[in-house]
Amino acid sequence: MGSSKRIVILDAFTTNPGDASWEPLASLGELVAHDRTPPELVVDRCRAADVVITNKTRIGAAELSRLPALRGICVLATGYDVVDVVSARARGIPVCNVPEYSTPSVVEHTFALLLELYRQVGMHAALVRDGEWSRSTDFCFWRTPQLELSGRTLGIVGYGNIGRAVARVGLAFGMRVIATPSRRNTPEPGVTAVDLDRVFAEADVVTLHCPLTEATRELVRWERLVTMKRRAVLLNTARGGLVREADLARALHEGVIAGAAVDVLSSEPPPPDNPLLSAPRILVTPHLAWATPEARQRLIATTAENVRGILSGALVHVVNPQAATDG
């Protein structure tokens, strides 16, 4: 596993804009890190690579067909929908992801969004800066209802590592917690497994923590939104494609639900005409829930483990495991 092994990162900048170290990867071979790679350069930049690393740069069947020497692909993320894993498996190319690295960061951001919806801390702090409190005749004031999480129902769609951690925080806030069933994780004490329709119908807060697959694409659409309580809010820190954005915007405009907060959109960065950017009662943050320095350094460290596994033949975190025997 010497310097003859070539490791290429297609879109290094978001993971490491200069405040982290690539040393765990650089120690494994010749590391070439491109800040960004346009689609037309993907094949050329990958052609001489043993292992390719991508975050959001897509590697599809067409690209894979032109990379016969590629030994493996590592995704700098937990979600791996940017890679055609079926085509990779057919070619004996393992695809590895990084589970769990962002759990604390995403959980914290989820509740930051929820608390902002419930308390509007930012807006009230801005009012104070504008002199509204100084001009008040009372010792306090508020412009929006100050709501408690305690006693409300938190509905979790996707009871994986992040969903379970969100559940634990919800319980600590005194919330009733319901979650969609998981084949891997049984509900922890205090969490009730219910079907997807019940999550949307019963929850005061619906939060998405499931992967984007063909089965989950646009699972949040008009038909589900209208089953929610009018005082309910929707959170999405998972994948933008889970939501039919025009339907959510309509639900917000018409008051079908009380509010929403999302960290992800279907196209990133979004075009100016994305309907959620002009919808009322919504917070949109720019896909940063995962991006704390601590999480990004864990991401790099685990990616190095994945690369080492590909180069040595001792694969870890493989999302298309048949490739381990196909190659």
Protein backbone atom coordinates (compact mmCIF):
# COMPACT_ATOMS: atom_id res chain seq x y z
CA MET A 1 0.00 0.00 0.00
CA GLY A 2 2.76 2.42 -0.96
CA SER A 3 2.93 5.65 -2.85
CA SER A 4 2.11 3.88 -6.13
CA LYS A 5 -1.56 3.84 -5.15
CA ARG A 6 -3.40 6.86 -6.50
CA ILE A 7 -6.29 8.31 -4.50
CA VAL A 8 -8.38 11.03 -6.15
CA ILE A 9 -10.87 13.29 -4.36
CA LEU A 10 -13.32 14.87 -6.81
CA ASP A 11 -14.85 17.54 -4.55
CA ALA A 12 -12.63 18.17 -1.56
CA PHE A 13 -13.55 21.74 -0.66
CA THR A 14 -16.74 21.27 1.38
CA THR A 15 -15.17 18.55 3.51
CA ASN A 16 -11.94 20.47 4.00
CA PRO A 17 -11.95 24.17 3.07
CA GLY A 18 -8.60 24.46 4.83
CA ASP A 19 -9.37 23.83 8.48
CA ALA A 20 -8.87 20.05 8.51
CA SER A 21 -6.07 17.60 7.67
CA TRP A 22 -5.97 15.15 4.76
CA GLU A 23 -3.03 13.33 6.38
CA PRO A 24 -4.99 10.12 7.13
CA LEU A 25 -5.57 9.77 3.37
CA ALA A 26 -2.24 11.16 2.19
CA SER A 27 -0.45 8.49 4.22
CA LEU A 28 -2.06 5.76 2.08
CA GLY A 29 -0.67 6.77 -1.30
CA GLU A 30 -0.53 9.58 -3.83
CA LEU A 31 -3.41 11.88 -2.91
CA VAL A 32 -4.84 14.23 -5.55
CA ALA A 33 -7.51 16.54 -4.14
CA HIS A 34 -9.65 18.62 -6.51
CA ASP A 35 -11.78 21.27 -4.82
CA ARG A 36 -14.55 20.71 -7.36
CA THR A 37 -15.02 18.59 -10.49
CA PRO A 38 -17.50 19.42 -13.28
CA PRO A 39 -19.30 16.42 -14.80
CA GLU A 40 -17.29 16.54 -18.03
CA LEU A 41 -14.00 16.07 -16.14
CA VAL A 42 -15.02 13.16 -13.90
CA VAL A 43 -13.69 10.39 -16.14
CA ASP A 44 -10.40 12.11 -16.96
CA ARG A 45 -9.66 12.79 -13.30
CA CYS A 46 -10.59 9.25 -12.25
CA ARG A 47 -8.87 7.36 -15.06
CA ALA A 48 -5.55 6.75 -13.31
CA ALA A 49 -7.02 6.36 -9.83
CA ASP A 50 -7.05 3.21 -7.76
CA VAL A 51 -9.67 4.73 -5.43
CA VAL A 52 -11.97 7.67 -6.13
CA ILE A 53 -13.52 9.71 -3.35
CA THR A 54 -16.62 11.81 -3.91
CA ASN A 55 -19.02 13.78 -1.79
CA LYS A 56 -21.66 15.12 -4.18
CA THR A 57 -20.01 14.66 -7.59
CA ARG A 58 -22.04 12.02 -9.42
CA ILE A 59 -20.48 8.82 -10.69
CA GLY A 60 -22.97 6.98 -12.87
CA ALA A 61 -23.02 3.96 -15.14
CA ALA A 62 -21.57 5.91 -18.07
CA GLU A 63 -18.55 7.04 -16.05
CA LEU A 64 -18.00 3.60 -14.54
CA SER A 65 -17.98 1.98 -17.97
CA ARG A 66 -14.93 4.10 -18.84
CA LEU A 67 -12.99 3.31 -15.66
CA PRO A 68 -12.00 -0.39 -15.97
CA ALA A 69 -9.05 -0.12 -13.57
CA LEU A 70 -10.96 1.49 -10.71
CA ARG A 71 -10.67 -0.59 -7.52
CA GLY A 72 -13.17 1.24 -5.34
CA ILE A 73 -15.24 4.34 -4.63
CA CYS A 74 -15.56 6.06 -1.26
CA VAL A 75 -18.36 8.50 -0.56
CA LEU A 76 -17.52 11.33 1.83
CA ALA A 77 -20.99 11.04 3.35
CA THR A 78 -23.44 8.58 4.83
CA GLY A 79 -25.85 8.83 1.90
CA TYR A 80 -24.49 7.29 -1.30
CA ASP A 81 -27.16 8.13 -3.87
CA VAL A 82 -24.54 10.07 -5.92
CA VAL A 83 -23.03 6.75 -7.06
CA ASP A 84 -24.74 4.16 -9.25
CA VAL A 85 -24.11 1.34 -6.79
CA VAL A 86 -25.85 -1.24 -8.97
CA SER A 87 -23.55 -0.56 -11.92
CA ALA A 88 -20.57 -0.51 -9.59
CA ARG A 89 -21.56 -3.88 -8.15
CA ALA A 90 -21.92 -5.34 -11.65
CA ARG A 91 -18.35 -4.24 -12.35
CA GLY A 92 -17.01 -5.57 -9.06
CA ILE A 93 -16.31 -2.10 -7.70
CA PRO A 94 -17.03 -1.73 -3.99
CA VAL A 95 -18.65 1.49 -2.81
CA CYS A 96 -18.04 2.53 0.79
CA ASN A 97 -19.80 5.18 2.83
CA VAL A 98 -19.20 6.70 6.26
CA PRO A 99 -21.88 5.84 8.79
CA GLU A 100 -22.44 7.77 12.02
CA TYR A 101 -19.76 10.44 11.63
CA SER A 102 -22.28 13.30 11.63
CA THR A 103 -24.79 12.02 14.18
CA PRO A 104 -24.08 14.54 16.99
CA SER A 105 -23.91 17.46 14.56
CA VAL A 106 -27.11 16.59 12.70
CA VAL A 107 -29.03 15.92 15.91
CA GLU A 108 -27.96 19.28 17.33
CA HIS A 109 -28.92 21.08 14.11
CA THR A 110 -32.29 19.32 14.04
CA PHE A 111 -33.15 20.70 17.45
CA ALA A 112 -31.65 24.10 16.63
CA LEU A 113 -34.15 24.31 13.76
CA LEU A 114 -37.01 23.06 15.90
CA LEU A 115 -36.30 25.46 18.75
CA GLU A 116 -36.05 28.35 16.30
CA LEU A 117 -39.48 27.44 14.92
CA TYR A 118 -40.95 27.17 18.39
CA ARG A 119 -39.26 30.19 20.00
CA GLN A 120 -38.11 32.46 17.12
CA VAL A 121 -34.97 33.36 19.08
CA GLY A 122 -33.27 35.01 16.10
CA MET A 123 -36.21 37.25 15.30
CA HIS A 124 -36.64 38.39 18.91
CA ALA A 125 -32.91 39.09 19.27
CA ALA A 126 -33.13 41.23 16.11
CA LEU A 127 -36.08 43.13 17.57
CA VAL A 128 -34.02 43.91 20.66
CA ARG A 129 -31.17 45.20 18.48
CA ASP A 130 -33.71 47.38 16.66
CA GLY A 131 -34.76 48.97 19.95
CA GLU A 132 -38.16 47.32 20.32
CA TRP A 133 -37.50 46.16 23.90
CA SER A 134 -36.18 49.58 24.92
CA ARG A 135 -39.40 51.14 23.62
CA SER A 136 -41.60 48.57 25.37
CA THR A 137 -43.77 49.69 28.28
CA ASP A 138 -43.57 46.20 29.82
CA PHE A 139 -40.63 44.23 31.20
CA CYS A 140 -40.93 41.69 28.40
CA PHE A 141 -42.65 41.18 25.08
CA TRP A 142 -42.95 38.57 22.35
CA ARG A 143 -44.16 38.68 18.76
CA THR A 144 -44.80 34.97 18.27
CA PRO A 145 -46.19 32.31 20.63
CA GLN A 146 -43.51 30.79 22.87
CA LEU A 147 -44.16 27.06 22.59
CA GLU A 148 -42.90 24.18 24.73
CA LEU A 149 -41.55 20.93 23.35
CA SER A 150 -42.51 19.09 26.52
CA GLY A 151 -45.67 17.07 26.04
CA ARG A 152 -45.67 17.35 22.25
CA THR A 153 -45.38 14.34 19.94
CA LEU A 154 -42.15 13.94 17.99
CA GLY A 155 -42.54 11.74 14.91
CA ILE A 156 -39.34 10.30 13.43
CA VAL A 157 -39.19 8.95 9.88
CA GLY A 158 -36.09 6.76 9.75
CA TYR A 159 -35.02 5.10 12.99
CA GLY A 160 -31.35 4.63 12.16
CA ASN A 161 -28.38 6.05 14.05
CA ILE A 162 -29.46 9.67 13.69
CA GLY A 163 -33.15 8.92 14.22
CA ARG A 164 -32.41 7.04 17.43
CA ALA A 165 -30.25 9.88 18.73
CA VAL A 166 -32.97 12.40 17.88
CA ALA A 167 -35.42 10.23 19.81
CA ARG A 168 -33.23 10.29 22.91
CA VAL A 169 -33.03 14.09 22.84
CA GLY A 170 -36.77 14.34 22.27
CA LEU A 171 -37.38 12.16 25.31
CA ALA A 172 -35.03 14.36 27.34
CA PHE A 173 -37.19 17.36 26.39
CA GLY A 174 -40.24 15.50 27.70
CA MET A 175 -41.71 14.74 24.30
CA ARG A 176 -43.76 11.71 23.35
CA VAL A 177 -41.74 9.95 20.65
CA ILE A 178 -43.06 7.79 17.82
CA ALA A 179 -41.00 6.43 14.93
CA THR A 180 -41.35 4.38 11.80
CA PRO A 181 -40.29 0.74 12.26
CA SER A 182 -36.70 -0.27 11.61
CA ARG A 183 -35.51 -3.70 10.52
CA ARG A 184 -32.22 -3.16 12.33
CA ASN A 185 -33.17 -1.27 15.49
CA THR A 186 -35.90 -2.14 17.95
CA PRO A 187 -37.53 0.84 19.66
CA GLU A 188 -35.71 2.01 22.77
CA PRO A 189 -37.70 2.54 25.98
CA GLY A 190 -40.06 5.44 25.55
CA VAL A 191 -40.23 5.16 21.74
CA THR A 192 -43.29 3.66 20.04
CA ALA A 193 -43.03 2.18 16.55
CA VAL A 194 -45.93 3.16 14.29
CA ASP A 195 -46.48 3.15 10.54
CA LEU A 196 -45.63 6.13 8.35
CA ASP A 197 -49.20 7.35 8.04
CA ARG A 198 -49.59 7.46 11.81
CA VAL A 199 -46.37 9.44 12.19
CA PHE A 200 -47.75 12.15 9.92
CA ALA A 201 -51.21 12.10 11.45
CA GLU A 202 -50.23 12.08 15.13
CA ALA A 203 -47.00 14.07 15.38
CA ASP A 204 -46.68 17.72 16.31
CA VAL A 205 -43.17 17.58 14.85
CA VAL A 206 -42.29 15.28 11.92
CA THR A 207 -38.54 14.96 11.35
CA LEU A 208 -36.95 13.09 8.43
CA HIS A 209 -33.86 10.93 8.96
CA CYS A 210 -34.18 8.27 6.26
CA PRO A 211 -32.04 7.70 3.15
CA LEU A 212 -33.14 8.81 -0.29
CA THR A 213 -34.15 5.78 -2.34
CA GLU A 214 -36.71 5.17 -5.04
CA ALA A 215 -39.08 4.05 -2.29
CA THR A 216 -38.64 7.24 -0.24
CA ARG A 217 -38.36 9.81 -3.03
CA GLU A 218 -40.99 12.54 -2.48
CA LEU A 219 -42.56 10.63 0.41
CA VAL A 220 -43.60 14.05 1.75
CA ARG A 221 -46.22 15.16 -0.72
CA TRP A 222 -49.62 16.81 -0.66
CA GLU A 223 -51.52 13.64 0.21
CA ARG A 224 -49.47 13.24 3.39
CA LEU A 225 -49.19 16.90 4.29
CA VAL A 226 -52.96 17.29 4.46
CA THR A 227 -53.13 14.50 7.06
CA MET A 228 -50.90 16.44 9.46
CA LYS A 229 -52.16 18.59 12.31
CA ARG A 230 -52.54 22.25 11.38
CA ARG A 231 -50.21 23.15 14.26
CA ALA A 232 -47.58 20.59 13.17
CA VAL A 233 -44.15 21.39 11.73
CA LEU A 234 -41.90 19.44 9.37
CA LEU A 235 -38.11 19.13 9.65
CA ASN A 236 -35.76 17.74 7.01
CA THR A 237 -32.04 17.34 7.65
CA ALA A 238 -31.75 14.19 5.52
CA ARG A 239 -32.12 14.60 1.73
CA GLY A 240 -34.02 17.21 -0.26
CA GLY A 241 -35.49 14.62 -2.59
CA LEU A 242 -37.61 13.23 0.24
CA VAL A 243 -39.92 16.23 -0.16
CA ARG A 244 -42.05 17.32 -3.11
CA GLU A 245 -41.12 20.95 -2.66
CA ALA A 246 -44.02 22.51 -4.56
CA ASP A 247 -46.45 20.60 -2.33
CA LEU A 248 -44.72 21.71 0.87
CA ALA A 249 -44.68 25.33 -0.33
CA ARG A 250 -48.39 25.11 -1.07
CA ALA A 251 -49.06 23.62 2.37
CA LEU A 252 -47.22 26.53 3.99
CA HIS A 253 -48.98 29.16 1.88
CA GLU A 254 -52.39 27.66 2.65
CA GLY A 255 -51.74 27.07 6.35
CA VAL A 256 -52.12 23.30 6.07
CA ILE A 257 -49.21 22.99 8.53
CA ALA A 258 -47.78 25.58 10.91
CA GLY A 259 -44.20 25.64 9.65
CA ALA A 260 -41.16 23.84 8.32
CA ALA A 261 -37.38 23.90 8.57
CA VAL A 262 -35.06 22.22 6.09
CA ASP A 263 -31.30 21.94 5.72
CA VAL A 264 -31.49 20.20 2.33
CA LEU A 265 -33.17 20.86 -1.00
CA SER A 266 -33.72 18.79 -4.13
CA SER A 267 -31.12 20.80 -6.06
CA GLU A 268 -28.13 22.32 -4.28
CA PRO A 269 -27.37 25.14 -4.52
CA PRO A 270 -31.02 25.87 -5.29
CA PRO A 271 -32.21 27.86 -8.28
CA PRO A 272 -33.76 31.20 -7.28
CA ASP A 273 -37.22 29.95 -8.23
CA ASN A 274 -37.24 27.03 -5.80
CA PRO A 275 -40.72 27.40 -4.27
CA LEU A 276 -39.49 26.91 -0.70
CA LEU A 277 -37.26 29.99 -0.87
CA SER A 278 -40.33 32.24 -1.03
CA ALA A 279 -42.70 30.21 1.14
CA PRO A 280 -43.91 31.60 4.49
CA ARG A 281 -43.10 30.10 7.89
CA ILE A 282 -40.06 28.15 6.75
CA LEU A 283 -36.39 28.16 7.72
CA VAL A 284 -33.89 27.04 5.08
CA THR A 285 -30.26 26.46 6.05
CA PRO A 286 -27.60 25.68 3.41
CA HIS A 287 -26.89 21.96 3.99
CA LEU A 288 -24.61 22.57 6.95
CA ALA A 289 -26.04 20.25 9.63
CA TRP A 290 -23.18 17.81 9.05
CA ALA A 291 -20.38 20.35 8.72
CA THR A 292 -18.87 20.91 12.15
CA PRO A 293 -15.06 20.58 12.22
CA GLU A 294 -15.37 17.61 14.56
CA ALA A 295 -17.71 15.76 12.22
CA ARG A 296 -15.60 16.50 9.15
CA GLN A 297 -12.43 15.20 10.80
CA ARG A 298 -14.29 12.00 11.75
CA LEU A 299 -15.44 11.81 8.13
CA ILE A 300 -11.88 11.98 6.83
CA ALA A 301 -10.61 9.44 9.37
CA THR A 302 -13.27 6.87 8.50
CA THR A 303 -12.83 7.47 4.77
CA ALA A 304 -9.15 6.63 5.26
CA GLU A 305 -10.24 3.34 6.87
CA ASN A 306 -12.43 2.67 3.83
CA VAL A 307 -9.61 3.40 1.38
CA ARG A 308 -7.24 1.20 3.36
CA GLY A 309 -9.81 -1.59 3.23
CA ILE A 310 -10.20 -1.29 -0.54
CA LEU A 311 -6.45 -1.33 -1.14
CA SER A 312 -5.85 -4.25 1.21
CA GLY A 313 -8.91 -6.30 0.30
CA ALA A 314 -10.33 -6.10 3.85
CA LEU A 315 -13.41 -4.07 2.97
CA VAL A 316 -15.35 -2.06 5.54
CA HIS A 317 -18.54 0.02 5.30
CA VAL A 318 -19.42 -1.44 1.90
CA VAL A 319 -22.91 -0.51 0.66
CA ASN A 320 -22.88 -2.88 -2.34
CA PRO A 321 -21.34 -5.97 -0.70
CA GLN A 322 -21.63 -8.33 -3.65
CA ALA A 323 -18.79 -6.33 -5.25
CA ALA A 324 -16.44 -7.85 -2.70
CA THR A 325 -16.75 -11.19 -4.47
CA ASP A 326 -17.35 -9.92 -8.01
CA GLY A 327 -13.94 -8.28 -8.46
